Amino acid sequence: LEVTLETGRTHQIRVHMQAQRHPCVGDTMYGADPTISARLGLT
């Protein structure tokens, strides 16, 4: 995705994408699947 912010809240993209049930890949704090993170080599 290309994401444009109108506001700049802490963790804004991460929180908003989790709320849409599409968390950022690798973002286990906000609900990402750790098996996908491991497959992609993301920490």
Full PDB file with SEQRES, HELIX, SHEET, SSBOND, CRYST1, ORIGX, SCALE, CONECT and MASTER records, all heavy atoms in Angstrom:
SEQRES   1 A   43  LEU GLU VAL THR LEU GLU THR GLY ARG THR HIS GLN ILE          
SEQRES   2 A   43  ARG VAL HIS MET GLN ALA GLN ARG HIS PRO CYS VAL GLY          
SEQRES   3 A   43  ASP THR MET TYR GLY ALA ASP PRO THR ILE SER ALA ARG          
SEQRES   4 A   43  LEU GLY LEU THR                                              
HELIX    1 AA1 GLN A   12  ALA A   19  1                                   8    
HELIX    2 AA2 THR A   28  TYR A   30  5                                   3    
HELIX    3 AA3 PRO A   34  LEU A   40  1                                   7    
CRYST1    1.000    1.000    1.000  90.00  90.00  90.00 P 1           1          
ORIGX1      1.000000  0.000000  0.000000        0.00000                         
ORIGX2      0.000000  1.000000  0.000000        0.00000                         
ORIGX3      0.000000  0.000000  1.000000        0.00000                         
SCALE1      1.000000  0.000000  0.000000        0.00000                         
SCALE2      0.000000  1.000000  0.000000        0.00000                         
SCALE3      0.000000  0.000000  1.000000        0.00000                         
ATOM      1  N   LEU A   1       0.824  -1.203   0.000  1.00  0.00           N  
ATOM      2  CA  LEU A   1       0.000   0.000   0.000  1.00  0.00           C  
ATOM      3  C   LEU A   1       0.861   1.257   0.000  1.00  0.00           C  
ATOM      4  O   LEU A   1       1.956   1.271   0.568  1.00  0.00           O  
ATOM      5  CB  LEU A   1      -0.893   0.057   1.248  1.00  0.00           C  
ATOM      6  CG  LEU A   1      -1.758  -1.144   1.595  1.00  0.00           C  
ATOM      7  CD1 LEU A   1      -2.597  -0.826   2.833  1.00  0.00           C  
ATOM      8  CD2 LEU A   1      -2.639  -1.549   0.426  1.00  0.00           C  
ATOM      9  N   GLU A   2       0.338   2.304  -0.623  1.00  0.00           N  
ATOM     10  CA  GLU A   2       0.886   3.643  -0.428  1.00  0.00           C  
ATOM     11  C   GLU A   2      -0.066   4.351   0.526  1.00  0.00           C  
ATOM     12  O   GLU A   2      -1.278   4.410   0.285  1.00  0.00           O  
ATOM     13  CB  GLU A   2       0.995   4.402  -1.750  1.00  0.00           C  
ATOM     14  CG  GLU A   2       1.612   5.782  -1.569  1.00  0.00           C  
ATOM     15  CD  GLU A   2       2.158   6.367  -2.867  1.00  0.00           C  
ATOM     16  OE1 GLU A   2       3.273   5.962  -3.275  1.00  0.00           O  
ATOM     17  OE2 GLU A   2       1.456   7.207  -3.452  1.00  0.00           O  
ATOM     18  N   VAL A   3       0.490   4.864   1.615  1.00  0.00           N  
ATOM     19  CA  VAL A   3      -0.322   5.431   2.690  1.00  0.00           C  
ATOM     20  C   VAL A   3       0.030   6.902   2.885  1.00  0.00           C  
ATOM     21  O   VAL A   3       1.209   7.253   3.016  1.00  0.00           O  
ATOM     22  CB  VAL A   3      -0.093   4.662   4.008  1.00  0.00           C  
ATOM     23  CG1 VAL A   3      -0.976   5.226   5.114  1.00  0.00           C  
ATOM     24  CG2 VAL A   3      -0.363   3.173   3.820  1.00  0.00           C  
ATOM     25  N   THR A   4      -0.990   7.743   2.918  1.00  0.00           N  
ATOM     26  CA  THR A   4      -0.801   9.170   3.154  1.00  0.00           C  
ATOM     27  C   THR A   4      -1.487   9.551   4.460  1.00  0.00           C  
ATOM     28  O   THR A   4      -2.661   9.204   4.674  1.00  0.00           O  
ATOM     29  CB  THR A   4      -1.390  10.006   2.003  1.00  0.00           C  
ATOM     30  OG1 THR A   4      -0.810   9.587   0.772  1.00  0.00           O  
ATOM     31  CG2 THR A   4      -1.105  11.487   2.212  1.00  0.00           C  
ATOM     32  N   LEU A   5      -0.778  10.257   5.314  1.00  0.00           N  
ATOM     33  CA  LEU A   5      -1.325  10.652   6.616  1.00  0.00           C  
ATOM     34  C   LEU A   5      -1.785  12.099   6.596  1.00  0.00           C  
ATOM     35  O   LEU A   5      -1.062  12.988   6.167  1.00  0.00           O  
ATOM     36  CB  LEU A   5      -0.269  10.482   7.705  1.00  0.00           C  
ATOM     37  CG  LEU A   5       0.258   9.066   7.957  1.00  0.00           C  
ATOM     38  CD1 LEU A   5       1.232   9.081   9.121  1.00  0.00           C  
ATOM     39  CD2 LEU A   5      -0.882   8.104   8.234  1.00  0.00           C  
ATOM     40  N   GLU A   6      -2.996  12.320   7.092  1.00  0.00           N  
ATOM     41  CA  GLU A   6      -3.444  13.690   7.359  1.00  0.00           C  
ATOM     42  C   GLU A   6      -2.990  14.112   8.749  1.00  0.00           C  
ATOM     43  O   GLU A   6      -2.676  15.268   8.995  1.00  0.00           O  
ATOM     44  CB  GLU A   6      -4.969  13.789   7.274  1.00  0.00           C  
ATOM     45  CG  GLU A   6      -5.510  13.926   5.877  1.00  0.00           C  
ATOM     46  CD  GLU A   6      -6.972  14.323   5.858  1.00  0.00           C  
ATOM     47  OE1 GLU A   6      -7.426  14.974   6.828  1.00  0.00           O  
ATOM     48  OE2 GLU A   6      -7.656  13.976   4.882  1.00  0.00           O  
ATOM     49  N   THR A   7      -3.002  13.154   9.669  1.00  0.00           N  
ATOM     50  CA  THR A   7      -2.571  13.399  11.047  1.00  0.00           C  
ATOM     51  C   THR A   7      -1.358  12.530  11.334  1.00  0.00           C  
ATOM     52  O   THR A   7      -1.033  11.636  10.559  1.00  0.00           O  
ATOM     53  CB  THR A   7      -3.709  13.068  12.031  1.00  0.00           C  
ATOM     54  OG1 THR A   7      -4.178  11.736  11.757  1.00  0.00           O  
ATOM     55  CG2 THR A   7      -4.864  14.050  11.872  1.00  0.00           C  
ATOM     56  N   GLY A   8      -0.693  12.777  12.450  1.00  0.00           N  
ATOM     57  CA  GLY A   8       0.523  12.030  12.758  1.00  0.00           C  
ATOM     58  C   GLY A   8       0.511  11.450  14.154  1.00  0.00           C  
ATOM     59  O   GLY A   8       1.363  11.754  14.979  1.00  0.00           O  
ATOM     60  N   ARG A   9      -0.476  10.611  14.440  1.00  0.00           N  
ATOM     61  CA  ARG A   9      -0.569   9.993  15.771  1.00  0.00           C  
ATOM     62  C   ARG A   9       0.442   8.858  15.908  1.00  0.00           C  
ATOM     63  O   ARG A   9       0.808   8.212  14.918  1.00  0.00           O  
ATOM     64  CB  ARG A   9      -1.980   9.444  16.020  1.00  0.00           C  
ATOM     65  CG  ARG A   9      -3.094  10.421  15.739  1.00  0.00           C  
ATOM     66  CD  ARG A   9      -2.959  11.700  16.521  1.00  0.00           C  
ATOM     67  NE  ARG A   9      -4.014  12.642  16.144  1.00  0.00           N  
ATOM     68  CZ  ARG A   9      -3.951  13.942  16.317  1.00  0.00           C  
ATOM     69  NH1 ARG A   9      -2.860  14.493  16.867  1.00  0.00           N  
ATOM     70  NH2 ARG A   9      -4.937  14.718  15.959  1.00  0.00           N  
ATOM     71  N   THR A  10       0.853   8.597  17.131  1.00  0.00           N  
ATOM     72  CA  THR A  10       1.770   7.489  17.398  1.00  0.00           C  
ATOM     73  C   THR A  10       1.138   6.172  16.940  1.00  0.00           C  
ATOM     74  O   THR A  10      -0.011   5.886  17.277  1.00  0.00           O  
ATOM     75  CB  THR A  10       2.107   7.426  18.894  1.00  0.00           C  
ATOM     76  OG1 THR A  10       2.648   8.678  19.315  1.00  0.00           O  
ATOM     77  CG2 THR A  10       3.113   6.320  19.173  1.00  0.00           C  
ATOM     78  N   HIS A  11       1.881   5.406  16.159  1.00  0.00           N  
ATOM     79  CA  HIS A  11       1.449   4.089  15.665  1.00  0.00           C  
ATOM     80  C   HIS A  11       0.209   4.178  14.771  1.00  0.00           C  
ATOM     81  O   HIS A  11      -0.507   3.185  14.599  1.00  0.00           O  
ATOM     82  CB  HIS A  11       1.160   3.121  16.825  1.00  0.00           C  
ATOM     83  CG  HIS A  11       2.347   2.793  17.663  1.00  0.00           C  
ATOM     84  ND1 HIS A  11       2.287   1.913  18.734  1.00  0.00           N  
ATOM     85  CD2 HIS A  11       3.632   3.241  17.634  1.00  0.00           C  
ATOM     86  CE1 HIS A  11       3.480   1.823  19.309  1.00  0.00           C  
ATOM     87  NE2 HIS A  11       4.309   2.630  18.654  1.00  0.00           N  
ATOM     88  N   GLN A  12      -0.048   5.347  14.166  1.00  0.00           N  
ATOM     89  CA  GLN A  12      -1.312   5.547  13.455  1.00  0.00           C  
ATOM     90  C   GLN A  12      -1.573   4.512  12.370  1.00  0.00           C  
ATOM     91  O   GLN A  12      -2.652   3.895  12.333  1.00  0.00           O  
ATOM     92  CB  GLN A  12      -1.360   6.947  12.838  1.00  0.00           C  
ATOM     93  CG  GLN A  12      -2.652   7.211  12.050  1.00  0.00           C  
ATOM     94  CD  GLN A  12      -2.779   8.649  11.604  1.00  0.00           C  
ATOM     95  OE1 GLN A  12      -2.412   9.563  12.331  1.00  0.00           O  
ATOM     96  NE2 GLN A  12      -3.307   8.864  10.404  1.00  0.00           N  
ATOM     97  N   ILE A  13      -0.620   4.304  11.467  1.00  0.00           N  
ATOM     98  CA  ILE A  13      -0.836   3.341  10.376  1.00  0.00           C  
ATOM     99  C   ILE A  13      -1.027   1.943  10.947  1.00  0.00           C  
ATOM    100  O   ILE A  13      -1.925   1.196  10.518  1.00  0.00           O  
ATOM    101  CB  ILE A  13       0.348   3.378   9.389  1.00  0.00           C  
ATOM    102  CG1 ILE A  13       0.427   4.745   8.703  1.00  0.00           C  
ATOM    103  CG2 ILE A  13       0.219   2.261   8.348  1.00  0.00           C  
ATOM    104  CD1 ILE A  13       1.676   4.936   7.849  1.00  0.00           C  
ATOM    105  N   ARG A  14      -0.216   1.589  11.905  1.00  0.00           N  
ATOM    106  CA  ARG A  14      -0.284   0.237  12.485  1.00  0.00           C  
ATOM    107  C   ARG A  14      -1.639  -0.011  13.149  1.00  0.00           C  
ATOM    108  O   ARG A  14      -2.239  -1.089  12.997  1.00  0.00           O  
ATOM    109  CB  ARG A  14       0.862   0.060  13.482  1.00  0.00           C  
ATOM    110  CG  ARG A  14       2.234   0.251  12.841  1.00  0.00           C  
ATOM    111  CD  ARG A  14       3.340   0.432  13.863  1.00  0.00           C  
ATOM    112  NE  ARG A  14       3.551  -0.773  14.646  1.00  0.00           N  
ATOM    113  CZ  ARG A  14       4.355  -0.822  15.724  1.00  0.00           C  
ATOM    114  NH1 ARG A  14       4.996   0.281  16.112  1.00  0.00           N  
ATOM    115  NH2 ARG A  14       4.511  -1.952  16.370  1.00  0.00           N  
ATOM    116  N   VAL A  15      -2.129   0.982  13.898  1.00  0.00           N  
ATOM    117  CA  VAL A  15      -3.422   0.842  14.581  1.00  0.00           C  
ATOM    118  C   VAL A  15      -4.566   0.794  13.573  1.00  0.00           C  
ATOM    119  O   VAL A  15      -5.466  -0.054  13.661  1.00  0.00           O  
ATOM    120  CB  VAL A  15      -3.624   1.999  15.583  1.00  0.00           C  
ATOM    121  CG1 VAL A  15      -5.055   1.998  16.125  1.00  0.00           C  
ATOM    122  CG2 VAL A  15      -2.631   1.900  16.722  1.00  0.00           C  
ATOM    123  N   HIS A  16      -4.554   1.704  12.607  1.00  0.00           N  
ATOM    124  CA  HIS A  16      -5.638   1.744  11.628  1.00  0.00           C  
ATOM    125  C   HIS A  16      -5.681   0.484  10.766  1.00  0.00           C  
ATOM    126  O   HIS A  16      -6.770  -0.031  10.463  1.00  0.00           O  
ATOM    127  CB  HIS A  16      -5.504   2.991  10.750  1.00  0.00           C  
ATOM    128  CG  HIS A  16      -6.165   4.199  11.337  1.00  0.00           C  
ATOM    129  ND1 HIS A  16      -6.043   5.454  10.789  1.00  0.00           N  
ATOM    130  CD2 HIS A  16      -6.957   4.345  12.435  1.00  0.00           C  
ATOM    131  CE1 HIS A  16      -6.735   6.321  11.518  1.00  0.00           C  
ATOM    132  NE2 HIS A  16      -7.284   5.668  12.522  1.00  0.00           N  
ATOM    133  N   MET A  17      -4.528  -0.039  10.378  1.00  0.00           N  
ATOM    134  CA  MET A  17      -4.544  -1.242   9.551  1.00  0.00           C  
ATOM    135  C   MET A  17      -4.970  -2.463  10.364  1.00  0.00           C  
ATOM    136  O   MET A  17      -5.672  -3.344   9.851  1.00  0.00           O  
ATOM    137  CB  MET A  17      -3.179  -1.473   8.902  1.00  0.00           C  
ATOM    138  CG  MET A  17      -2.759  -0.375   7.907  1.00  0.00           C  
ATOM    139  SD  MET A  17      -4.064   0.224   6.797  1.00  0.00           S  
ATOM    140  CE  MET A  17      -4.534  -1.265   5.922  1.00  0.00           C  
ATOM    141  N   GLN A  18      -4.575  -2.524  11.634  1.00  0.00           N  
ATOM    142  CA  GLN A  18      -5.058  -3.623  12.478  1.00  0.00           C  
ATOM    143  C   GLN A  18      -6.582  -3.567  12.602  1.00  0.00           C  
ATOM    144  O   GLN A  18      -7.261  -4.598  12.557  1.00  0.00           O  
ATOM    145  CB  GLN A  18      -4.430  -3.548  13.872  1.00  0.00           C  
ATOM    146  CG  GLN A  18      -4.910  -4.680  14.785  1.00  0.00           C  
ATOM    147  CD  GLN A  18      -4.661  -4.410  16.261  1.00  0.00           C  
ATOM    148  OE1 GLN A  18      -4.725  -3.267  16.705  1.00  0.00           O  
ATOM    149  NE2 GLN A  18      -4.355  -5.455  17.013  1.00  0.00           N  
ATOM    150  N   ALA A  19      -7.116  -2.343  12.759  1.00  0.00           N  
ATOM    151  CA  ALA A  19      -8.556  -2.191  12.914  1.00  0.00           C  
ATOM    152  C   ALA A  19      -9.319  -2.669  11.673  1.00  0.00           C  
ATOM    153  O   ALA A  19     -10.477  -3.088  11.771  1.00  0.00           O  
ATOM    154  CB  ALA A  19      -8.902  -0.734  13.205  1.00  0.00           C  
ATOM    155  N   GLN A  20      -8.650  -2.630  10.493  1.00  0.00           N  
ATOM    156  CA  GLN A  20      -9.259  -3.125   9.257  1.00  0.00           C  
ATOM    157  C   GLN A  20      -9.009  -4.622   9.054  1.00  0.00           C  
ATOM    158  O   GLN A  20      -9.356  -5.174   8.019  1.00  0.00           O  
ATOM    159  CB  GLN A  20      -8.684  -2.346   8.065  1.00  0.00           C  
ATOM    160  CG  GLN A  20      -8.917  -0.845   8.110  1.00  0.00           C  
ATOM    161  CD  GLN A  20     -10.382  -0.482   8.104  1.00  0.00           C  
ATOM    162  OE1 GLN A  20     -11.102  -0.885   7.205  1.00  0.00           O  
ATOM    163  NE2 GLN A  20     -10.826   0.272   9.102  1.00  0.00           N  
ATOM    164  N   ARG A  21      -8.368  -5.241  10.050  1.00  0.00           N  
ATOM    165  CA  ARG A  21      -7.985  -6.658   9.994  1.00  0.00           C  
ATOM    166  C   ARG A  21      -6.959  -6.927   8.905  1.00  0.00           C  
ATOM    167  O   ARG A  21      -6.921  -8.023   8.322  1.00  0.00           O  
ATOM    168  CB  ARG A  21      -9.226  -7.555   9.830  1.00  0.00           C  
ATOM    169  CG  ARG A  21     -10.200  -7.415  10.985  1.00  0.00           C  
ATOM    170  CD  ARG A  21     -11.351  -8.375  10.880  1.00  0.00           C  
ATOM    171  NE  ARG A  21     -12.259  -8.245  12.016  1.00  0.00           N  
ATOM    172  CZ  ARG A  21     -13.371  -8.949  12.192  1.00  0.00           C  
ATOM    173  NH1 ARG A  21     -13.702  -9.869  11.279  1.00  0.00           N  
ATOM    174  NH2 ARG A  21     -14.132  -8.762  13.238  1.00  0.00           N  
ATOM    175  N   HIS A  22      -6.135  -5.919   8.647  1.00  0.00           N  
ATOM    176  CA  HIS A  22      -5.032  -6.048   7.696  1.00  0.00           C  
ATOM    177  C   HIS A  22      -3.767  -5.464   8.333  1.00  0.00           C  
ATOM    178  O   HIS A  22      -3.235  -4.450   7.863  1.00  0.00           O  
ATOM    179  CB  HIS A  22      -5.351  -5.321   6.384  1.00  0.00           C  
ATOM    180  CG  HIS A  22      -6.538  -5.862   5.663  1.00  0.00           C  
ATOM    181  ND1 HIS A  22      -6.537  -7.111   5.059  1.00  0.00           N  
ATOM    182  CD2 HIS A  22      -7.772  -5.345   5.459  1.00  0.00           C  
ATOM    183  CE1 HIS A  22      -7.722  -7.331   4.509  1.00  0.00           C  
ATOM    184  NE2 HIS A  22      -8.485  -6.271   4.733  1.00  0.00           N  
ATOM    185  N   PRO A  23      -3.278  -6.082   9.426  1.00  0.00           N  
ATOM    186  CA  PRO A  23      -2.102  -5.521  10.096  1.00  0.00           C  
ATOM    187  C   PRO A  23      -0.879  -5.513   9.191  1.00  0.00           C  
ATOM    188  O   PRO A  23      -0.781  -6.312   8.240  1.00  0.00           O  
ATOM    189  CB  PRO A  23      -1.893  -6.458  11.289  1.00  0.00           C  
ATOM    190  CG  PRO A  23      -2.522  -7.751  10.866  1.00  0.00           C  
ATOM    191  CD  PRO A  23      -3.708  -7.354  10.027  1.00  0.00           C  
ATOM    192  N   CYS A  24       0.043  -4.608   9.465  1.00  0.00           N  
ATOM    193  CA  CYS A  24       1.300  -4.599   8.716  1.00  0.00           C  
ATOM    194  C   CYS A  24       1.995  -5.946   8.903  1.00  0.00           C  
ATOM    195  O   CYS A  24       2.093  -6.451  10.034  1.00  0.00           O  
ATOM    196  CB  CYS A  24       2.217  -3.478   9.213  1.00  0.00           C  
ATOM    197  SG  CYS A  24       1.605  -1.810   8.875  1.00  0.00           S  
ATOM    198  N   VAL A  25       2.470  -6.519   7.820  1.00  0.00           N  
ATOM    199  CA  VAL A  25       3.212  -7.777   7.907  1.00  0.00           C  
ATOM    200  C   VAL A  25       4.410  -7.579   8.839  1.00  0.00           C  
ATOM    201  O   VAL A  25       5.108  -6.571   8.771  1.00  0.00           O  
ATOM    202  CB  VAL A  25       3.680  -8.207   6.507  1.00  0.00           C  
ATOM    203  CG1 VAL A  25       4.679  -9.343   6.591  1.00  0.00           C  
ATOM    204  CG2 VAL A  25       2.488  -8.598   5.642  1.00  0.00           C  
ATOM    205  N   GLY A  26       4.622  -8.521   9.735  1.00  0.00           N  
ATOM    206  CA  GLY A  26       5.734  -8.432  10.674  1.00  0.00           C  
ATOM    207  C   GLY A  26       5.402  -7.721  11.966  1.00  0.00           C  
ATOM    208  O   GLY A  26       6.192  -7.758  12.918  1.00  0.00           O  
ATOM    209  N   ASP A  27       4.237  -7.081  12.046  1.00  0.00           N  
ATOM    210  CA  ASP A  27       3.884  -6.271  13.218  1.00  0.00           C  
ATOM    211  C   ASP A  27       3.125  -7.116  14.237  1.00  0.00           C  
ATOM    212  O   ASP A  27       1.906  -6.991  14.408  1.00  0.00           O  
ATOM    213  CB  ASP A  27       3.054  -5.070  12.790  1.00  0.00           C  
ATOM    214  CG  ASP A  27       2.901  -4.032  13.888  1.00  0.00           C  
ATOM    215  OD1 ASP A  27       3.488  -4.229  14.971  1.00  0.00           O  
ATOM    216  OD2 ASP A  27       2.211  -3.021  13.658  1.00  0.00           O  
ATOM    217  N   THR A  28       3.854  -7.985  14.939  1.00  0.00           N  
ATOM    218  CA  THR A  28       3.205  -8.901  15.879  1.00  0.00           C  
ATOM    219  C   THR A  28       2.542  -8.167  17.046  1.00  0.00           C  
ATOM    220  O   THR A  28       1.595  -8.677  17.637  1.00  0.00           O  
ATOM    221  CB  THR A  28       4.219  -9.924  16.421  1.00  0.00           C  
ATOM    222  OG1 THR A  28       5.370  -9.233  16.931  1.00  0.00           O  
ATOM    223  CG2 THR A  28       4.676 -10.862  15.299  1.00  0.00           C  
ATOM    224  N   MET A  29       3.023  -6.962  17.386  1.00  0.00           N  
ATOM    225  CA  MET A  29       2.388  -6.190  18.460  1.00  0.00           C  
ATOM    226  C   MET A  29       0.936  -5.864  18.117  1.00  0.00           C  
ATOM    227  O   MET A  29       0.069  -5.794  18.987  1.00  0.00           O  
ATOM    228  CB  MET A  29       3.151  -4.892  18.727  1.00  0.00           C  
ATOM    229  CG  MET A  29       2.483  -3.986  19.763  1.00  0.00           C  
ATOM    230  SD  MET A  29       3.330  -2.422  20.040  1.00  0.00           S  
ATOM    231  CE  MET A  29       4.745  -2.957  21.003  1.00  0.00           C  
ATOM    232  N   TYR A  30       0.677  -5.679  16.826  1.00  0.00           N  
ATOM    233  CA  TYR A  30      -0.671  -5.318  16.394  1.00  0.00           C  
ATOM    234  C   TYR A  30      -1.329  -6.411  15.557  1.00  0.00           C  
ATOM    235  O   TYR A  30      -2.079  -6.141  14.632  1.00  0.00           O  
ATOM    236  CB  TYR A  30      -0.640  -3.985  15.637  1.00  0.00           C  
ATOM    237  CG  TYR A  30      -0.443  -2.802  16.557  1.00  0.00           C  
ATOM    238  CD1 TYR A  30       0.805  -2.189  16.679  1.00  0.00           C  
ATOM    239  CD2 TYR A  30      -1.487  -2.308  17.338  1.00  0.00           C  
ATOM    240  CE1 TYR A  30       0.988  -1.105  17.536  1.00  0.00           C  
ATOM    241  CE2 TYR A  30      -1.314  -1.223  18.193  1.00  0.00           C  
ATOM    242  CZ  TYR A  30      -0.071  -0.631  18.285  1.00  0.00           C  
ATOM    243  OH  TYR A  30       0.107   0.437  19.144  1.00  0.00           O  
ATOM    244  N   GLY A  31      -1.033  -7.656  15.907  1.00  0.00           N  
ATOM    245  CA  GLY A  31      -1.824  -8.765  15.389  1.00  0.00           C  
ATOM    246  C   GLY A  31      -1.334  -9.461  14.147  1.00  0.00           C  
ATOM    247  O   GLY A  31      -2.052 -10.294  13.576  1.00  0.00           O  
ATOM    248  N   ALA A  32      -0.117  -9.174  13.675  1.00  0.00           N  
ATOM    249  CA  ALA A  32       0.382  -9.852  12.476  1.00  0.00           C  
ATOM    250  C   ALA A  32       0.667 -11.326  12.777  1.00  0.00           C  
ATOM    251  O   ALA A  32       1.027 -11.701  13.894  1.00  0.00           O  
ATOM    252  CB  ALA A  32       1.648  -9.173  11.973  1.00  0.00           C  
ATOM    253  N   ASP A  33       0.522 -12.151  11.754  1.00  0.00           N  
ATOM    254  CA  ASP A  33       0.772 -13.592  11.865  1.00  0.00           C  
ATOM    255  C   ASP A  33       2.286 -13.837  11.933  1.00  0.00           C  
ATOM    256  O   ASP A  33       3.002 -13.543  10.968  1.00  0.00           O  
ATOM    257  CB  ASP A  33       0.177 -14.288  10.646  1.00  0.00           C  
ATOM    258  CG  ASP A  33       0.287 -15.804  10.711  1.00  0.00           C  
ATOM    259  OD1 ASP A  33       1.108 -16.308  11.518  1.00  0.00           O  
ATOM    260  OD2 ASP A  33      -0.420 -16.481   9.954  1.00  0.00           O  
ATOM    261  N   PRO A  34       2.809 -14.381  13.037  1.00  0.00           N  
ATOM    262  CA  PRO A  34       4.258 -14.577  13.160  1.00  0.00           C  
ATOM    263  C   PRO A  34       4.824 -15.585  12.167  1.00  0.00           C  
ATOM    264  O   PRO A  34       6.013 -15.537  11.845  1.00  0.00           O  
ATOM    265  CB  PRO A  34       4.431 -15.063  14.606  1.00  0.00           C  
ATOM    266  CG  PRO A  34       3.099 -15.591  15.008  1.00  0.00           C  
ATOM    267  CD  PRO A  34       2.088 -14.782  14.262  1.00  0.00           C  
ATOM    268  N   THR A  35       3.989 -16.487  11.658  1.00  0.00           N  
ATOM    269  CA  THR A  35       4.507 -17.455  10.681  1.00  0.00           C  
ATOM    270  C   THR A  35       4.833 -16.765   9.349  1.00  0.00           C  
ATOM    271  O   THR A  35       5.778 -17.147   8.667  1.00  0.00           O  
ATOM    272  CB  THR A  35       3.497 -18.596  10.442  1.00  0.00           C  
ATOM    273  OG1 THR A  35       2.278 -18.058   9.912  1.00  0.00           O  
ATOM    274  CG2 THR A  35       3.193 -19.327  11.739  1.00  0.00           C  
ATOM    275  N   ILE A  36       4.051 -15.745   9.001  1.00  0.00           N  
ATOM    276  CA  ILE A  36       4.345 -14.980   7.786  1.00  0.00           C  
ATOM    277  C   ILE A  36       5.629 -14.180   7.980  1.00  0.00           C  
ATOM    278  O   ILE A  36       6.482 -14.108   7.090  1.00  0.00           O  
ATOM    279  CB  ILE A  36       3.168 -14.053   7.430  1.00  0.00           C  
ATOM    280  CG1 ILE A  36       1.912 -14.861   7.118  1.00  0.00           C  
ATOM    281  CG2 ILE A  36       3.533 -13.149   6.249  1.00  0.00           C  
ATOM    282  CD1 ILE A  36       0.687 -14.022   6.819  1.00  0.00           C  
ATOM    283  N   SER A  37       5.778 -13.571   9.155  1.00  0.00           N  
ATOM    284  CA  SER A  37       7.005 -12.809   9.457  1.00  0.00           C  
ATOM    285  C   SER A  37       8.227 -13.694   9.306  1.00  0.00           C  
ATOM    286  O   SER A  37       9.237 -13.286   8.709  1.00  0.00           O  
ATOM    287  CB  SER A  37       6.940 -12.257  10.892  1.00  0.00           C  
ATOM    288  OG  SER A  37       5.755 -11.536  11.112  1.00  0.00           O  
ATOM    289  N   ALA A  38       8.146 -14.917   9.840  1.00  0.00           N  
ATOM    290  CA  ALA A  38       9.283 -15.841   9.772  1.00  0.00           C  
ATOM    291  C   ALA A  38       9.582 -16.226   8.331  1.00  0.00           C  
ATOM    292  O   ALA A  38      10.754 -16.291   7.919  1.00  0.00           O  
ATOM    293  CB  ALA A  38       8.993 -17.082  10.613  1.00  0.00           C  
ATOM    294  N   ARG A  39       8.537 -16.457   7.542  1.00  0.00           N  
ATOM    295  CA  ARG A  39       8.745 -16.859   6.147  1.00  0.00           C  
ATOM    296  C   ARG A  39       9.419 -15.757   5.342  1.00  0.00           C  
ATOM    297  O   ARG A  39      10.222 -16.026   4.443  1.00  0.00           O  
ATOM    298  CB  ARG A  39       7.390 -17.220   5.510  1.00  0.00           C  
ATOM    299  CG  ARG A  39       7.487 -17.644   4.050  1.00  0.00           C  
ATOM    300  CD  ARG A  39       6.194 -18.294   3.587  1.00  0.00           C  
ATOM    301  NE  ARG A  39       5.078 -17.365   3.597  1.00  0.00           N  
ATOM    302  CZ  ARG A  39       4.766 -16.556   2.577  1.00  0.00           C  
ATOM    303  NH1 ARG A  39       5.514 -16.553   1.479  1.00  0.00           N  
ATOM    304  NH2 ARG A  39       3.716 -15.776   2.639  1.00  0.00           N  
ATOM    305  N   LEU A  40       9.126 -14.512   5.709  1.00  0.00           N  
ATOM    306  CA  LEU A  40       9.690 -13.376   4.979  1.00  0.00           C  
ATOM    307  C   LEU A  40      10.988 -12.866   5.593  1.00  0.00           C  
ATOM    308  O   LEU A  40      11.605 -11.942   5.065  1.00  0.00           O  
ATOM    309  CB  LEU A  40       8.666 -12.231   4.922  1.00  0.00           C  
ATOM    310  CG  LEU A  40       7.334 -12.551   4.238  1.00  0.00           C  
ATOM    311  CD1 LEU A  40       6.427 -11.338   4.260  1.00  0.00           C  
ATOM    312  CD2 LEU A  40       7.561 -13.028   2.810  1.00  0.00           C  
ATOM    313  N   GLY A  41      11.391 -13.457   6.719  1.00  0.00           N  
ATOM    314  CA  GLY A  41      12.624 -13.034   7.367  1.00  0.00           C  
ATOM    315  C   GLY A  41      12.519 -11.679   8.040  1.00  0.00           C  
ATOM    316  O   GLY A  41      13.521 -10.983   8.219  1.00  0.00           O  
ATOM    317  N   LEU A  42      11.307 -11.301   8.462  1.00  0.00           N  
ATOM    318  CA  LEU A  42      11.095  -9.990   9.075  1.00  0.00           C  
ATOM    319  C   LEU A  42      11.135 -10.066  10.594  1.00  0.00           C  
ATOM    320  O   LEU A  42      10.549 -10.979  11.199  1.00  0.00           O  
ATOM    321  CB  LEU A  42       9.732  -9.416   8.657  1.00  0.00           C  
ATOM    322  CG  LEU A  42       9.632  -8.796   7.268  1.00  0.00           C  
ATOM    323  CD1 LEU A  42       8.184  -8.403   6.979  1.00  0.00           C  
ATOM    324  CD2 LEU A  42      10.540  -7.569   7.145  1.00  0.00           C  
ATOM    325  N   THR A  43      11.805  -9.099  11.205  1.00  0.00           N  
ATOM    326  CA  THR A  43      11.816  -8.988  12.660  1.00  0.00           C  
ATOM    327  C   THR A  43      11.162  -7.687  13.115  1.00  0.00           C  
ATOM    328  O   THR A  43      11.269  -7.299  14.266  1.00  0.00           O  
ATOM    329  CB  THR A  43      13.258  -9.045  13.197  1.00  0.00           C  
ATOM    330  OG1 THR A  43      14.028  -7.991  12.592  1.00  0.00           O  
ATOM    331  CG2 THR A  43      13.900 -10.390  12.893  1.00  0.00           C  
TER     332      THR A  43                                                      
MASTER        0    0    0    3    0    0    0    6  331    1    0    4          
END                                                                             
